[in-house]
Amino acid sequence: MADKPSRGLVVYGDGLARFVNPSHTHLHSLAAQSLCGFLSLPHLPPTENVDGRTIGEFLNLVDAYDDFTTVSVDSQDKCITPSISERFMGVKAALITENKSLKSCGDKLGLSVLQSNELINNNCPLADSPANLVAIELLKLLGFQEDKVLDPNPFDLVFVHIGGHEEDSINKYTEYINSLVGEIISKTKPKSEIGSRLHLSVVLSYGETSKDDESNFTILNKNGIMQSGFDSLYPRQSYTMKGCHPRSNVRDYFPMLFAQWQDAVTRKDTVKTFVFQDFKENGGNLTIPADRFLHEVAFKLWKAPKYGA
């Protein structure tokens, strides 16, 4: 545990997990330094909104999924869920995205929604902006500047959404998130003041799922089905529970992949690459429900009690 509250940066790669390849060395390097695992999602309901999946996944990340209907349609209804600031001891949180539906979602949840051109003075989309400059400006939003930790800081927590539904841009988005992670890591040197205060999370989802691929991306017990008579002795895994009650809606395939890194604070497992099978065999975080993710991050920011063990 750090001796001072961390400041959190969450890089969310929307639908990019399956497109990571060996050339994305910065993502693999991050995984090799981090604590890695899965975030399990529920079965998302069908929606007429083309961005419904993106919104559903993001709402799970911020534990506001009860508001799926409210924020995924053009509705003036108020959110059921209190704002992130209200839930987590006044945390100042921002969202950077170019997805119009996600901007509306963040707005309704009380996030400060920023345009990419508010980071650097250009009119380009985020994925067309220099990763080096974007990394510098993201760190500034958290009060990190020129190897120093400044107080007060504009935000305690920043979400950056990269990705979307455009098939012809998926590879560009994946390349960009790889470059951005590399730039961020290069600016947070081990044993530096910033390195010990930045809590970096990289979350990659699979996007649209296919029945044909479910068996290749399942998080069920890797030893297979228990022999008859012994399955009752196998405890329910924590991601299938909420409090002391079983969750009624758990998707056992295509989880989000996530890696968390903070110099000298987060544990390190034996994962070497940012890919599903490596996370499954060697990840130290195993699987947690996606709606517990923000609680884990908020704990590092000293804004929430510890979730789980």
Protein backbone atom coordinates (compact mmCIF):
# COMPACT_ATOMS: atom_id res chain seq x y z
CA MET A 1 0.00 0.00 0.00
CA ALA A 2 1.28 3.46 -0.90
CA ASP A 3 1.91 6.04 1.84
CA LYS A 4 -0.05 8.67 -0.14
CA PRO A 5 -3.23 8.47 -2.23
CA SER A 6 -2.70 7.49 -5.85
CA ARG A 7 -4.14 9.21 -8.90
CA GLY A 8 -5.81 6.94 -11.42
CA LEU A 9 -5.62 6.73 -15.20
CA VAL A 10 -7.86 4.16 -16.91
CA VAL A 11 -7.23 3.52 -20.60
CA TYR A 12 -10.26 1.66 -21.98
CA GLY A 13 -9.74 -0.07 -25.35
CA ASP A 14 -13.27 -0.59 -26.63
CA GLY A 15 -13.45 -3.83 -28.65
CA LEU A 16 -9.68 -4.07 -29.15
CA ALA A 17 -8.69 -7.18 -27.16
CA ARG A 18 -8.75 -9.60 -30.08
CA PHE A 19 -6.57 -7.35 -32.24
CA VAL A 20 -3.50 -7.26 -29.98
CA ASN A 21 -0.61 -8.98 -31.76
CA PRO A 22 3.10 -9.59 -31.06
CA SER A 23 4.05 -6.21 -32.55
CA HIS A 24 2.26 -4.36 -29.72
CA THR A 25 5.30 -4.52 -27.50
CA HIS A 26 4.27 -1.72 -25.11
CA LEU A 27 1.07 -3.53 -24.13
CA HIS A 28 3.01 -6.76 -23.59
CA SER A 29 5.67 -4.93 -21.58
CA LEU A 30 2.99 -3.40 -19.38
CA ALA A 31 1.39 -6.82 -18.81
CA ALA A 32 4.78 -8.24 -17.81
CA GLN A 33 5.13 -5.57 -15.11
CA SER A 34 1.54 -5.63 -13.90
CA LEU A 35 -1.12 -7.52 -12.02
CA CYS A 36 -3.44 -8.95 -14.68
CA GLY A 37 -6.84 -10.56 -14.77
CA PHE A 38 -10.37 -10.60 -16.15
CA LEU A 39 -13.46 -8.47 -15.59
CA SER A 40 -16.60 -10.56 -16.07
CA LEU A 41 -19.59 -8.94 -17.74
CA PRO A 42 -23.30 -9.76 -17.68
CA HIS A 43 -25.24 -10.73 -20.78
CA LEU A 44 -26.02 -7.31 -22.20
CA PRO A 45 -29.61 -6.85 -23.41
CA PRO A 46 -30.31 -6.09 -27.07
CA THR A 47 -30.60 -2.39 -27.80
CA GLU A 48 -31.57 -0.28 -30.80
CA ASN A 49 -28.71 2.08 -30.01
CA VAL A 50 -25.63 1.09 -32.05
CA ASP A 51 -23.45 2.16 -29.12
CA GLY A 52 -25.45 0.11 -26.62
CA ARG A 53 -22.67 -2.43 -26.05
CA THR A 54 -20.07 0.29 -25.45
CA ILE A 55 -22.35 2.01 -22.95
CA GLY A 56 -23.24 -1.27 -21.24
CA GLU A 57 -19.58 -2.17 -20.79
CA PHE A 58 -18.67 1.29 -19.51
CA LEU A 59 -21.57 1.35 -17.07
CA ASN A 60 -20.33 -1.94 -15.68
CA LEU A 61 -16.83 -0.48 -15.25
CA VAL A 62 -18.24 2.39 -13.17
CA ASP A 63 -20.82 0.23 -11.32
CA ALA A 64 -23.82 2.07 -12.76
CA TYR A 65 -25.35 -0.67 -14.90
CA ASP A 66 -28.79 -0.15 -13.33
CA ASP A 67 -28.87 3.03 -15.44
CA PHE A 68 -28.45 1.19 -18.76
CA THR A 69 -31.89 2.17 -20.07
CA THR A 70 -31.66 5.74 -18.80
CA VAL A 71 -28.36 6.61 -20.46
CA SER A 72 -28.51 4.44 -23.59
CA VAL A 73 -31.50 6.25 -25.06
CA ASP A 74 -32.23 9.92 -25.60
CA SER A 75 -33.93 10.30 -22.25
CA GLN A 76 -34.23 13.13 -19.77
CA ASP A 77 -34.69 10.66 -16.91
CA LYS A 78 -32.36 11.09 -13.97
CA CYS A 79 -29.80 8.42 -13.21
CA ILE A 80 -30.65 5.98 -10.47
CA THR A 81 -27.01 5.72 -9.46
CA PRO A 82 -25.47 8.60 -7.49
CA SER A 83 -22.57 10.35 -9.20
CA ILE A 84 -19.08 8.92 -8.89
CA SER A 85 -18.14 11.89 -6.69
CA GLU A 86 -21.02 11.13 -4.32
CA ARG A 87 -20.19 7.43 -4.12
CA PHE A 88 -16.44 7.80 -3.70
CA MET A 89 -15.68 10.53 -1.20
CA GLY A 90 -15.68 13.49 -3.56
CA VAL A 91 -13.38 11.97 -6.18
CA LYS A 92 -12.86 14.30 -9.15
CA ALA A 93 -13.28 12.18 -12.29
CA ALA A 94 -13.12 12.93 -16.02
CA LEU A 95 -13.96 11.04 -19.20
CA ILE A 96 -12.27 11.63 -22.56
CA THR A 97 -14.12 10.13 -25.52
CA GLU A 98 -15.25 10.96 -29.02
CA ASN A 99 -18.29 8.68 -28.81
CA LYS A 100 -21.37 10.94 -28.61
CA SER A 101 -23.46 8.38 -26.72
CA LEU A 102 -20.69 7.81 -24.20
CA LYS A 103 -20.30 11.56 -23.72
CA SER A 104 -23.97 11.77 -22.79
CA CYS A 105 -23.54 8.77 -20.50
CA GLY A 106 -20.58 10.34 -18.70
CA ASP A 107 -22.42 13.62 -18.36
CA LYS A 108 -25.40 11.98 -16.68
CA LEU A 109 -23.09 10.11 -14.29
CA GLY A 110 -21.46 13.34 -13.13
CA LEU A 111 -18.15 12.91 -14.95
CA SER A 112 -16.37 15.91 -16.45
CA VAL A 113 -16.51 15.05 -20.16
CA LEU A 114 -13.55 16.45 -22.08
CA GLN A 115 -12.99 16.72 -25.82
CA SER A 116 -9.75 15.38 -27.24
CA ASN A 117 -8.96 18.82 -28.65
CA GLU A 118 -9.08 20.13 -25.08
CA LEU A 119 -5.98 18.04 -24.40
CA ILE A 120 -3.85 19.38 -27.20
CA ASN A 121 -4.61 22.36 -29.38
CA ASN A 122 -5.58 20.65 -32.61
CA ASN A 123 -8.76 19.58 -34.34
CA CYS A 124 -7.76 15.96 -34.89
CA PRO A 125 -9.47 12.92 -33.38
CA LEU A 126 -7.64 11.42 -30.43
CA ALA A 127 -6.25 8.49 -32.42
CA ASP A 128 -4.76 10.94 -34.94
CA SER A 129 -3.08 13.08 -32.28
CA PRO A 130 0.59 12.57 -31.29
CA ALA A 131 0.65 9.94 -28.53
CA ASN A 132 3.59 11.70 -26.87
CA LEU A 133 1.68 14.98 -26.44
CA VAL A 134 -1.53 13.22 -25.37
CA ALA A 135 0.36 11.29 -22.67
CA ILE A 136 1.86 14.53 -21.31
CA GLU A 137 -1.55 16.22 -21.17
CA LEU A 138 -3.25 13.21 -19.55
CA LEU A 139 -0.64 13.25 -16.79
CA LYS A 140 -1.16 17.01 -16.36
CA LEU A 141 -4.87 16.38 -15.74
CA LEU A 142 -3.80 14.25 -12.78
CA GLY A 143 -1.36 16.86 -11.50
CA PHE A 144 1.80 15.20 -12.84
CA GLN A 145 4.11 17.62 -14.61
CA GLU A 146 7.86 17.62 -15.32
CA ASP A 147 8.53 14.69 -12.97
CA LYS A 148 6.68 16.44 -10.14
CA VAL A 149 3.43 15.74 -8.33
CA LEU A 150 1.50 19.00 -8.06
CA ASP A 151 -1.21 19.97 -5.58
CA PRO A 152 -3.99 20.73 -6.08
CA ASN A 153 -4.63 18.45 -9.05
CA PRO A 154 -7.44 18.97 -11.59
CA PHE A 155 -8.64 15.33 -11.36
CA ASP A 156 -8.08 12.27 -9.20
CA LEU A 157 -9.26 9.85 -11.89
CA VAL A 158 -9.31 10.05 -15.69
CA PHE A 159 -10.94 7.57 -18.09
CA VAL A 160 -9.73 7.56 -21.71
CA HIS A 161 -11.97 5.72 -24.18
CA ILE A 162 -10.33 4.55 -27.41
CA GLY A 163 -12.07 2.40 -30.01
CA GLY A 164 -15.45 2.03 -31.60
CA HIS A 165 -17.46 0.24 -34.23
CA GLU A 166 -15.60 1.34 -37.36
CA GLU A 167 -14.03 -1.89 -38.67
CA ASP A 168 -11.56 -0.05 -40.88
CA SER A 169 -10.17 1.83 -37.85
CA ILE A 170 -9.80 -1.05 -35.37
CA ASN A 171 -6.14 -1.69 -36.19
CA LYS A 172 -5.39 2.04 -35.98
CA TYR A 173 -7.01 2.21 -32.54
CA THR A 174 -5.02 -0.79 -31.32
CA GLU A 175 -1.75 0.66 -32.60
CA TYR A 176 -2.60 3.96 -30.92
CA ILE A 177 -3.40 2.47 -27.52
CA ASN A 178 -0.12 0.55 -27.71
CA SER A 179 1.81 3.77 -28.45
CA LEU A 180 -0.03 5.73 -25.77
CA VAL A 181 0.73 3.12 -23.10
CA GLY A 182 4.38 3.19 -24.13
CA GLU A 183 4.53 6.97 -23.79
CA ILE A 184 2.84 6.94 -20.38
CA ILE A 185 5.17 4.27 -19.01
CA SER A 186 8.24 6.10 -20.35
CA LYS A 187 7.21 9.22 -18.41
CA THR A 188 6.68 7.41 -15.10
CA LYS A 189 10.15 6.18 -14.31
CA PRO A 190 10.61 3.53 -11.60
CA LYS A 191 11.27 5.05 -8.15
CA SER A 192 10.24 8.48 -9.42
CA GLU A 193 7.72 10.67 -7.62
CA ILE A 194 5.18 10.21 -10.41
CA GLY A 195 5.77 6.46 -10.77
CA SER A 196 4.83 5.83 -7.15
CA ARG A 197 1.62 7.92 -7.36
CA LEU A 198 0.17 6.97 -10.77
CA HIS A 199 -2.16 3.96 -10.72
CA LEU A 200 -2.50 2.89 -14.37
CA SER A 201 -5.20 0.49 -15.55
CA VAL A 202 -5.49 -0.72 -19.14
CA VAL A 203 -8.80 -2.43 -19.93
CA LEU A 204 -9.47 -4.09 -23.29
CA SER A 205 -12.86 -5.53 -24.22
CA TYR A 206 -13.75 -7.90 -27.06
CA GLY A 207 -16.62 -5.92 -28.51
CA GLU A 208 -19.17 -7.91 -30.47
CA THR A 209 -19.03 -11.58 -29.51
CA SER A 210 -19.52 -14.72 -31.55
CA LYS A 211 -21.03 -18.03 -30.44
CA ASP A 212 -18.35 -19.84 -32.47
CA ASP A 213 -15.58 -18.35 -30.30
CA GLU A 214 -17.13 -18.77 -26.86
CA SER A 215 -15.23 -21.97 -26.04
CA ASN A 216 -11.90 -20.29 -26.89
CA PHE A 217 -12.49 -17.36 -24.54
CA THR A 218 -14.20 -18.94 -21.55
CA ILE A 219 -13.29 -18.17 -17.94
CA LEU A 220 -14.92 -21.30 -16.58
CA ASN A 221 -12.80 -23.71 -14.53
CA LYS A 222 -9.93 -24.61 -16.87
CA ASN A 223 -9.86 -28.14 -15.51
CA GLY A 224 -13.22 -28.74 -17.15
CA ILE A 225 -16.45 -30.09 -15.74
CA MET A 226 -16.10 -31.72 -12.34
CA GLN A 227 -16.76 -35.43 -12.13
CA SER A 228 -20.27 -36.33 -11.07
CA GLY A 229 -20.66 -36.20 -7.30
CA PHE A 230 -17.80 -33.75 -6.74
CA ASP A 231 -19.17 -30.60 -8.36
CA SER A 232 -21.00 -29.66 -5.16
CA LEU A 233 -17.63 -29.53 -3.37
CA TYR A 234 -16.24 -26.97 -5.81
CA PRO A 235 -16.93 -23.49 -4.37
CA ARG A 236 -18.65 -20.82 -6.41
CA GLN A 237 -16.07 -18.37 -7.70
CA SER A 238 -16.28 -14.87 -6.28
CA TYR A 239 -17.10 -13.25 -9.63
CA THR A 240 -20.38 -15.23 -9.66
CA MET A 241 -21.42 -13.77 -6.28
CA LYS A 242 -22.65 -10.40 -5.05
CA GLY A 243 -22.46 -10.26 -1.29
CA CYS A 244 -23.62 -13.68 -0.13
CA HIS A 245 -26.01 -14.23 -3.05
CA PRO A 246 -25.29 -15.80 -6.47
CA ARG A 247 -25.44 -13.36 -9.38
CA SER A 248 -28.30 -14.14 -11.74
CA ASN A 249 -26.60 -12.79 -14.87
CA VAL A 250 -22.97 -13.80 -15.45
CA ARG A 251 -21.35 -14.18 -18.86
CA ASP A 252 -18.65 -16.85 -18.61
CA TYR A 253 -16.92 -15.92 -21.86
CA PHE A 254 -15.33 -12.89 -23.53
CA PRO A 255 -14.42 -11.04 -20.33
CA MET A 256 -12.57 -7.75 -20.38
CA LEU A 257 -8.79 -8.10 -20.00
CA PHE A 258 -7.22 -5.70 -17.52
CA ALA A 259 -3.72 -4.94 -16.28
CA GLN A 260 -2.96 -2.65 -13.33
CA TRP A 261 0.41 -1.12 -12.63
CA GLN A 262 1.82 1.23 -10.03
CA ASP A 263 5.53 1.24 -9.31
CA ALA A 264 6.37 -0.53 -6.04
CA VAL A 265 2.67 -0.78 -5.11
CA THR A 266 0.85 -3.33 -7.27
CA ARG A 267 1.90 -6.95 -7.11
CA LYS A 268 3.40 -8.59 -10.17
CA ASP A 269 2.26 -11.95 -11.53
CA THR A 270 3.87 -14.20 -14.17
CA VAL A 271 1.97 -12.89 -17.21
CA LYS A 272 4.28 -11.97 -20.11
CA THR A 273 1.85 -10.95 -22.87
CA PHE A 274 -1.42 -9.01 -23.09
CA VAL A 275 -3.44 -11.97 -24.43
CA PHE A 276 -6.33 -14.03 -23.10
CA GLN A 277 -4.57 -17.38 -22.63
CA ASP A 278 -1.61 -15.87 -20.77
CA PHE A 279 -3.98 -14.00 -18.44
CA LYS A 280 -5.97 -17.17 -17.82
CA GLU A 281 -2.94 -19.32 -17.01
CA ASN A 282 -0.75 -16.78 -15.22
CA GLY A 283 -2.85 -13.79 -14.15
CA GLY A 284 -2.73 -12.96 -10.45
CA ASN A 285 -6.08 -11.16 -10.33
CA LEU A 286 -8.06 -14.12 -11.74
CA THR A 287 -11.63 -12.87 -12.40
CA ILE A 288 -13.63 -10.14 -10.67
CA PRO A 289 -16.99 -8.70 -11.73
CA ALA A 290 -16.60 -5.64 -13.94
CA ASP A 291 -18.85 -3.67 -11.59
CA ARG A 292 -16.22 -4.03 -8.82
CA PHE A 293 -13.44 -2.52 -10.95
CA LEU A 294 -14.04 1.10 -9.95
CA HIS A 295 -14.18 0.11 -6.28
CA GLU A 296 -10.71 -1.46 -6.63
CA VAL A 297 -9.33 1.67 -8.31
CA ALA A 298 -11.01 4.00 -5.78
CA PHE A 299 -9.32 2.08 -2.96
CA LYS A 300 -5.93 2.98 -4.45
CA LEU A 301 -7.04 6.62 -4.52
CA TRP A 302 -8.01 6.38 -0.83
CA LYS A 303 -11.62 6.96 -1.82
CA ALA A 304 -13.15 3.56 -0.93
CA PRO A 305 -12.63 0.61 1.41
CA LYS A 306 -10.91 -2.48 0.05
CA TYR A 307 -13.06 -4.77 -2.07
CA GLY A 308 -12.42 -8.49 -1.53
CA ALA A 309 -9.38 -10.04 0.14
